[in-house]
PDB file of N, CA and C in Angstrom:
ATOM      1  N   MET A   1       0.839  -1.173   0.000  1.00  0.00           N
ATOM      2  CA  MET A   1       0.000   0.000   0.000  1.00  0.00           C
ATOM      3  C   MET A   1       0.885   1.238   0.000  1.00  0.00           C
ATOM      4  N   THR A   2       0.528   2.212  -0.782  1.00  0.00           N
ATOM      5  CA  THR A   2       1.292   3.440  -0.901  1.00  0.00           C
ATOM      6  C   THR A   2       0.667   4.529  -0.035  1.00  0.00           C
ATOM      7  N   ILE A   3       1.512   5.348   0.550  1.00  0.00           N
ATOM      8  CA  ILE A   3       1.039   6.491   1.337  1.00  0.00           C
ATOM      9  C   ILE A   3       1.381   7.751   0.569  1.00  0.00           C
ATOM     10  N   ILE A   4       0.383   8.614   0.407  1.00  0.00           N
ATOM     11  CA  ILE A   4       0.560   9.894  -0.278  1.00  0.00           C
ATOM     12  C   ILE A   4       0.221  11.001   0.707  1.00  0.00           C
ATOM     13  N   SER A   5       1.078  11.998   0.789  1.00  0.00           N
ATOM     14  CA  SER A   5       0.830  13.131   1.678  1.00  0.00           C
ATOM     15  C   SER A   5       0.169  14.260   0.915  1.00  0.00           C
ATOM     16  N   ILE A   6      -0.795  14.890   1.550  1.00  0.00           N
ATOM     17  CA  ILE A   6      -1.459  16.054   0.966  1.00  0.00           C
ATOM     18  C   ILE A   6      -1.345  17.187   1.980  1.00  0.00           C
ATOM     19  N   TYR A   7      -0.829  18.298   1.535  1.00  0.00           N
ATOM     20  CA  TYR A   7      -0.685  19.442   2.422  1.00  0.00           C
ATOM     21  C   TYR A   7      -1.936  20.302   2.336  1.00  0.00           C
ATOM     22  N   LEU A   8      -2.514  20.591   3.498  1.00  0.00           N
ATOM     23  CA  LEU A   8      -3.736  21.386   3.581  1.00  0.00           C
ATOM     24  C   LEU A   8      -3.483  22.594   4.468  1.00  0.00           C
ATOM     25  N   ASN A   9      -4.142  23.694   4.113  1.00  0.00           N
ATOM     26  CA  ASN A   9      -4.102  24.817   5.042  1.00  0.00           C
ATOM     27  C   ASN A   9      -5.149  24.565   6.132  1.00  0.00           C
ATOM     28  N   LYS A  10      -5.177  25.414   7.121  1.00  0.00           N
ATOM     29  CA  LYS A  10      -6.059  25.191   8.276  1.00  0.00           C
ATOM     30  C   LYS A  10      -7.524  25.115   7.868  1.00  0.00           C
ATOM     31  N   ASP A  11      -7.957  26.018   6.992  1.00  0.00           N
ATOM     32  CA  ASP A  11      -9.362  26.038   6.568  1.00  0.00           C
ATOM     33  C   ASP A  11      -9.732  24.763   5.800  1.00  0.00           C
ATOM     34  N   GLU A  12      -8.857  24.316   4.928  1.00  0.00           N
ATOM     35  CA  GLU A  12      -9.106  23.077   4.185  1.00  0.00           C
ATOM     36  C   GLU A  12      -9.185  21.888   5.142  1.00  0.00           C
ATOM     37  N   ASP A  13      -8.264  21.857   6.114  1.00  0.00           N
ATOM     38  CA  ASP A  13      -8.248  20.768   7.087  1.00  0.00           C
ATOM     39  C   ASP A  13      -9.579  20.699   7.841  1.00  0.00           C
ATOM     40  N   ILE A  14     -10.052  21.832   8.301  1.00  0.00           N
ATOM     41  CA  ILE A  14     -11.321  21.873   9.036  1.00  0.00           C
ATOM     42  C   ILE A  14     -12.477  21.453   8.137  1.00  0.00           C
ATOM     43  N   LEU A  15     -12.526  22.005   6.946  1.00  0.00           N
ATOM     44  CA  LEU A  15     -13.605  21.688   6.005  1.00  0.00           C
ATOM     45  C   LEU A  15     -13.628  20.205   5.674  1.00  0.00           C
ATOM     46  N   PHE A  16     -12.485  19.653   5.323  1.00  0.00           N
ATOM     47  CA  PHE A  16     -12.418  18.258   4.910  1.00  0.00           C
ATOM     48  C   PHE A  16     -12.719  17.306   6.067  1.00  0.00           C
ATOM     49  N   ARG A  17     -12.199  17.609   7.249  1.00  0.00           N
ATOM     50  CA  ARG A  17     -12.466  16.737   8.398  1.00  0.00           C
ATOM     51  C   ARG A  17     -13.934  16.803   8.820  1.00  0.00           C
ATOM     52  N   ASP A  18     -14.521  17.986   8.764  1.00  0.00           N
ATOM     53  CA  ASP A  18     -15.948  18.114   9.089  1.00  0.00           C
ATOM     54  C   ASP A  18     -16.795  17.319   8.095  1.00  0.00           C
ATOM     55  N   TYR A  19     -16.472  17.446   6.822  1.00  0.00           N
ATOM     56  CA  TYR A  19     -17.225  16.704   5.810  1.00  0.00           C
ATOM     57  C   TYR A  19     -17.027  15.205   5.988  1.00  0.00           C
ATOM     58  N   SER A  20     -15.821  14.798   6.291  1.00  0.00           N
ATOM     59  CA  SER A  20     -15.521  13.392   6.513  1.00  0.00           C
ATOM     60  C   SER A  20     -16.370  12.841   7.660  1.00  0.00           C
ATOM     61  N   ALA A  21     -16.473  13.597   8.736  1.00  0.00           N
ATOM     62  CA  ALA A  21     -17.264  13.153   9.882  1.00  0.00           C
ATOM     63  C   ALA A  21     -18.747  13.078   9.526  1.00  0.00           C
ATOM     64  N   GLN A  22     -19.241  14.069   8.790  1.00  0.00           N
ATOM     65  CA  GLN A  22     -20.663  14.096   8.412  1.00  0.00           C
ATOM     66  C   GLN A  22     -21.001  12.966   7.456  1.00  0.00           C
ATOM     67  N   SER A  23     -20.112  12.673   6.537  1.00  0.00           N
ATOM     68  CA  SER A  23     -20.381  11.645   5.530  1.00  0.00           C
ATOM     69  C   SER A  23     -20.041  10.238   6.035  1.00  0.00           C
ATOM     70  N   ARG A  24     -19.370  10.181   7.198  1.00  0.00           N
ATOM     71  CA  ARG A  24     -18.941   8.905   7.784  1.00  0.00           C
ATOM     72  C   ARG A  24     -18.034   8.117   6.835  1.00  0.00           C
ATOM     73  N   LYS A  25     -17.204   8.860   6.120  1.00  0.00           N
ATOM     74  CA  LYS A  25     -16.203   8.258   5.251  1.00  0.00           C
ATOM     75  C   LYS A  25     -14.845   8.816   5.639  1.00  0.00           C
ATOM     76  N   SER A  26     -13.821   8.007   5.480  1.00  0.00           N
ATOM     77  CA  SER A  26     -12.477   8.482   5.814  1.00  0.00           C
ATOM     78  C   SER A  26     -12.015   9.513   4.788  1.00  0.00           C
ATOM     79  N   LEU A  27     -11.059  10.325   5.211  1.00  0.00           N
ATOM     80  CA  LEU A  27     -10.486  11.287   4.265  1.00  0.00           C
ATOM     81  C   LEU A  27      -9.858  10.563   3.081  1.00  0.00           C
ATOM     82  N   SER A  28      -9.223   9.447   3.337  1.00  0.00           N
ATOM     83  CA  SER A  28      -8.610   8.666   2.271  1.00  0.00           C
ATOM     84  C   SER A  28      -9.658   8.243   1.247  1.00  0.00           C
ATOM     85  N   GLU A  29     -10.780   7.731   1.720  1.00  0.00           N
ATOM     86  CA  GLU A  29     -11.849   7.305   0.818  1.00  0.00           C
ATOM     87  C   GLU A  29     -12.408   8.487   0.034  1.00  0.00           C
ATOM     88  N   LEU A  30     -12.613   9.608   0.706  1.00  0.00           N
ATOM     89  CA  LEU A  30     -13.156  10.790   0.031  1.00  0.00           C
ATOM     90  C   LEU A  30     -12.199  11.317  -1.037  1.00  0.00           C
ATOM     91  N   PHE A  31     -10.902  11.341  -0.728  1.00  0.00           N
ATOM     92  CA  PHE A  31      -9.937  11.818  -1.713  1.00  0.00           C
ATOM     93  C   PHE A  31      -9.869  10.879  -2.912  1.00  0.00           C
ATOM     94  N   LYS A  32      -9.927   9.569  -2.656  1.00  0.00           N
ATOM     95  CA  LYS A  32      -9.909   8.607  -3.769  1.00  0.00           C
ATOM     96  C   LYS A  32     -11.145   8.773  -4.650  1.00  0.00           C
ATOM     97  N   ILE A  33     -12.300   8.924  -4.016  1.00  0.00           N
ATOM     98  CA  ILE A  33     -13.549   9.113  -4.772  1.00  0.00           C
ATOM     99  C   ILE A  33     -13.464  10.379  -5.623  1.00  0.00           C
ATOM    100  N   ALA A  34     -12.987  11.458  -5.024  1.00  0.00           N
ATOM    101  CA  ALA A  34     -12.892  12.730  -5.744  1.00  0.00           C
ATOM    102  C   ALA A  34     -11.932  12.618  -6.931  1.00  0.00           C
ATOM    103  N   LEU A  35     -10.804  11.943  -6.742  1.00  0.00           N
ATOM    104  CA  LEU A  35      -9.834  11.809  -7.823  1.00  0.00           C
ATOM    105  C   LEU A  35     -10.364  10.925  -8.943  1.00  0.00           C
ATOM    106  N   VAL A  36     -11.000   9.823  -8.590  1.00  0.00           N
ATOM    107  CA  VAL A  36     -11.589   8.947  -9.607  1.00  0.00           C
ATOM    108  C   VAL A  36     -12.661   9.699 -10.391  1.00  0.00           C
ATOM    109  N   ASN A  37     -13.497  10.462  -9.697  1.00  0.00           N
ATOM    110  CA  ASN A  37     -14.533  11.247 -10.387  1.00  0.00           C
ATOM    111  C   ASN A  37     -13.919  12.267 -11.337  1.00  0.00           C
ATOM    112  N   GLN A  38     -12.850  12.913 -10.919  1.00  0.00           N
ATOM    113  CA  GLN A  38     -12.169  13.890 -11.769  1.00  0.00           C
ATOM    114  C   GLN A  38     -11.597  13.216 -13.012  1.00  0.00           C
ATOM    115  N   ILE A  39     -10.983  12.053 -12.828  1.00  0.00           N
ATOM    116  CA  ILE A  39     -10.413  11.314 -13.961  1.00  0.00           C
ATOM    117  C   ILE A  39     -11.520  10.889 -14.922  1.00  0.00           C
ATOM    118  N   GLU A  40     -12.627  10.375 -14.380  1.00  0.00           N
ATOM    119  CA  GLU A  40     -13.753   9.958 -15.231  1.00  0.00           C
ATOM    120  C   GLU A  40     -14.342  11.143 -15.988  1.00  0.00           C
ATOM    121  N   ASP A  41     -14.491  12.286 -15.312  1.00  0.00           N
ATOM    122  CA  ASP A  41     -15.036  13.481 -15.971  1.00  0.00           C
ATOM    123  C   ASP A  41     -14.142  13.934 -17.120  1.00  0.00           C
ATOM    124  N   GLU A  42     -12.838  13.927 -16.885  1.00  0.00           N
ATOM    125  CA  GLU A  42     -11.901  14.342 -17.937  1.00  0.00           C
ATOM    126  C   GLU A  42     -11.925  13.363 -19.107  1.00  0.00           C
ATOM    127  N   PHE A  43     -11.981  12.068 -18.796  1.00  0.00           N
ATOM    128  CA  PHE A  43     -12.068  11.050 -19.844  1.00  0.00           C
ATOM    129  C   PHE A  43     -13.348  11.228 -20.659  1.00  0.00           C
ATOM    130  N   ASP A  44     -14.483  11.407 -19.968  1.00  0.00           N
ATOM    131  CA  ASP A  44     -15.760  11.594 -20.657  1.00  0.00           C
ATOM    132  C   ASP A  44     -15.753  12.849 -21.517  1.00  0.00           C
ATOM    133  N   TYR A  45     -15.143  13.926 -21.004  1.00  0.00           N
ATOM    134  CA  TYR A  45     -15.057  15.175 -21.760  1.00  0.00           C
ATOM    135  C   TYR A  45     -14.269  14.958 -23.053  1.00  0.00           C
ATOM    136  N   LYS A  46     -13.112  14.318 -22.937  1.00  0.00           N
ATOM    137  CA  LYS A  46     -12.274  14.082 -24.123  1.00  0.00           C
ATOM    138  C   LYS A  46     -12.989  13.166 -25.111  1.00  0.00           C
ATOM    139  N   LEU A  47     -13.675  12.151 -24.610  1.00  0.00           N
ATOM    140  CA  LEU A  47     -14.441  11.258 -25.468  1.00  0.00           C
ATOM    141  C   LEU A  47     -15.568  12.015 -26.177  1.00  0.00           C
ATOM    142  N   GLY A  48     -16.222  12.907 -25.450  1.00  0.00           N
ATOM    143  CA  GLY A  48     -17.281  13.722 -26.038  1.00  0.00           C
ATOM    144  C   GLY A  48     -16.763  14.642 -27.127  1.00  0.00           C
ATOM    145  N   ILE A  49     -15.612  15.241 -26.898  1.00  0.00           N
ATOM    146  CA  ILE A  49     -15.000  16.114 -27.911  1.00  0.00           C
ATOM    147  C   ILE A  49     -14.682  15.313 -29.167  1.00  0.00           C
ATOM    148  N   LYS A  50     -14.120  14.113 -29.006  1.00  0.00           N
ATOM    149  CA  LYS A  50     -13.816  13.268 -30.166  1.00  0.00           C
ATOM    150  C   LYS A  50     -15.095  12.884 -30.913  1.00  0.00           C
ATOM    151  N   ALA A  51     -16.145  12.556 -30.173  1.00  0.00           N
ATOM    152  CA  ALA A  51     -17.415  12.187 -30.802  1.00  0.00           C
ATOM    153  C   ALA A  51     -18.006  13.369 -31.563  1.00  0.00           C
ATOM    154  N   LEU A  52     -17.921  14.557 -30.977  1.00  0.00           N
ATOM    155  CA  LEU A  52     -18.434  15.754 -31.650  1.00  0.00           C
ATOM    156  C   LEU A  52     -17.633  16.050 -32.912  1.00  0.00           C
ATOM    157  N   GLU A  53     -16.314  15.923 -32.835  1.00  0.00           N
ATOM    158  CA  GLU A  53     -15.480  16.145 -34.018  1.00  0.00           C
ATOM    159  C   GLU A  53     -15.812  15.133 -35.106  1.00  0.00           C
ATOM    160  N   SER A  54     -15.987  13.891 -34.718  1.00  0.00           N
ATOM    161  CA  SER A  54     -16.343  12.848 -35.677  1.00  0.00           C
ATOM    162  C   SER A  54     -17.698  13.145 -36.311  1.00  0.00           C
ATOM    163  N   PHE A  55     -18.648  13.549 -35.497  1.00  0.00           N
ATOM    164  CA  PHE A  55     -19.971  13.890 -36.006  1.00  0.00           C
ATOM    165  C   PHE A  55     -19.885  15.061 -36.983  1.00  0.00           C
ATOM    166  N   ASN A  56     -19.147  16.099 -36.602  1.00  0.00           N
ATOM    167  CA  ASN A  56     -19.025  17.277 -37.462  1.00  0.00           C
ATOM    168  C   ASN A  56     -18.338  16.955 -38.782  1.00  0.00           C
ATOM    169  N   ASN A  57     -17.421  15.999 -38.773  1.00  0.00           N
ATOM    170  CA  ASN A  57     -16.693  15.635 -39.992  1.00  0.00           C
ATOM    171  C   ASN A  57     -17.438  14.626 -40.857  1.00  0.00           C
ATOM    172  N   ASN A  58     -18.347  13.855 -40.270  1.00  0.00           N
ATOM    173  CA  ASN A  58     -18.980  12.757 -40.998  1.00  0.00           C
ATOM    174  C   ASN A  58     -20.504  12.779 -40.928  1.00  0.00           C
ATOM    175  N   SER A  59     -21.068  13.882 -40.540  1.00  0.00           N
ATOM    176  CA  SER A  59     -22.516  13.893 -40.319  1.00  0.00           C
ATOM    177  C   SER A  59     -23.289  14.126 -41.619  1.00  0.00           C
ATOM    178  N   ILE A  60     -24.491  13.606 -41.620  1.00  0.00           N
ATOM    179  CA  ILE A  60     -25.435  13.827 -42.711  1.00  0.00           C
ATOM    180  C   ILE A  60     -26.666  14.465 -42.089  1.00  0.00           C
ATOM    181  N   ALA A  61     -27.095  15.563 -42.639  1.00  0.00           N
ATOM    182  CA  ALA A  61     -28.255  16.272 -42.095  1.00  0.00           C
ATOM    183  C   ALA A  61     -29.514  15.891 -42.870  1.00  0.00           C
ATOM    184  N   TYR A  62     -30.585  15.697 -42.133  1.00  0.00           N
ATOM    185  CA  TYR A  62     -31.877  15.376 -42.728  1.00  0.00           C
ATOM    186  C   TYR A  62     -32.907  16.382 -42.231  1.00  0.00           C
ATOM    187  N   LYS A  63     -33.866  16.685 -43.075  1.00  0.00           N
ATOM    188  CA  LYS A  63     -34.994  17.492 -42.628  1.00  0.00           C
ATOM    189  C   LYS A  63     -35.948  16.584 -41.879  1.00  0.00           C
ATOM    190  N   ILE A  64     -36.577  17.095 -40.843  1.00  0.00           N
ATOM    191  CA  ILE A  64     -37.462  16.279 -40.027  1.00  0.00           C
ATOM    192  C   ILE A  64     -38.630  15.728 -40.844  1.00  0.00           C
ATOM    193  N   ASP A  65     -39.132  16.511 -41.772  1.00  0.00           N
ATOM    194  CA  ASP A  65     -40.237  16.049 -42.618  1.00  0.00           C
ATOM    195  C   ASP A  65     -39.821  14.845 -43.467  1.00  0.00           C
ATOM    196  N   ASP A  66     -38.573  14.859 -43.956  1.00  0.00           N
ATOM    197  CA  ASP A  66     -38.074  13.727 -44.736  1.00  0.00           C
ATOM    198  C   ASP A  66     -37.968  12.472 -43.878  1.00  0.00           C
ATOM    199  N   LEU A  67     -37.520  12.640 -42.628  1.00  0.00           N
ATOM    200  CA  LEU A  67     -37.426  11.493 -41.739  1.00  0.00           C
ATOM    201  C   LEU A  67     -38.795  10.919 -41.413  1.00  0.00           C
ATOM    202  N   ILE A  68     -39.755  11.792 -41.180  1.00  0.00           N
ATOM    203  CA  ILE A  68     -41.102  11.337 -40.869  1.00  0.00           C
ATOM    204  C   ILE A  68     -41.672  10.565 -42.062  1.00  0.00           C
ATOM    205  N   SER A  69     -41.488  11.113 -43.258  1.00  0.00           N
ATOM    206  CA  SER A  69     -41.989  10.434 -44.457  1.00  0.00           C
ATOM    207  C   SER A  69     -41.345   9.069 -44.635  1.00  0.00           C
ATOM    208  N   GLU A  70     -40.035   9.019 -44.404  1.00  0.00           N
ATOM    209  CA  GLU A  70     -39.322   7.754 -44.555  1.00  0.00           C
ATOM    210  C   GLU A  70     -39.810   6.720 -43.529  1.00  0.00           C
ATOM    211  N   LEU A  71     -40.028   7.156 -42.323  1.00  0.00           N
ATOM    212  CA  LEU A  71     -40.512   6.246 -41.288  1.00  0.00           C
ATOM    213  C   LEU A  71     -41.939   5.782 -41.567  1.00  0.00           C
ATOM    214  N   GLU A  72     -42.754   6.671 -42.071  1.00  0.00           N
ATOM    215  CA  GLU A  72     -44.140   6.305 -42.413  1.00  0.00           C
ATOM    216  C   GLU A  72     -44.161   5.297 -43.551  1.00  0.00           C
ATOM    217  N   ASN A  73     -43.255   5.418 -44.487  1.00  0.00           N
ATOM    218  CA  ASN A  73     -43.187   4.491 -45.620  1.00  0.00           C
ATOM    219  C   ASN A  73     -42.708   3.106 -45.188  1.00  0.00           C
ATOM    220  N   ASP A  74     -41.919   3.037 -44.105  1.00  0.00           N
ATOM    221  CA  ASP A  74     -41.411   1.756 -43.629  1.00  0.00           C
ATOM    222  C   ASP A  74     -42.485   0.947 -42.907  1.00  0.00           C
ATOM    223  N   VAL A  75     -43.528   1.585 -42.452  1.00  0.00           N
ATOM    224  CA  VAL A  75     -44.549   0.900 -41.659  1.00  0.00           C
ATOM    225  C   VAL A  75     -45.494   0.149 -42.504  1.00  0.00           C
TER     226      VAL A  75
END
């Protein structure tokens, strides 16, 4: 198991310890959760940007009336 030190100022220490007590989770667990969430958010953001770029480069636009007509013809 690895130990990582995090330096906090007094206000951060109070805030984080109070939240830890209220949530009944250890500071270690809360920091891990926060870091994993940050990593997931960044990954999702980058994936979304790639999807948008792909869509913008390869998209085909349809008029809604054309789609409705096509769907009605399939039924």
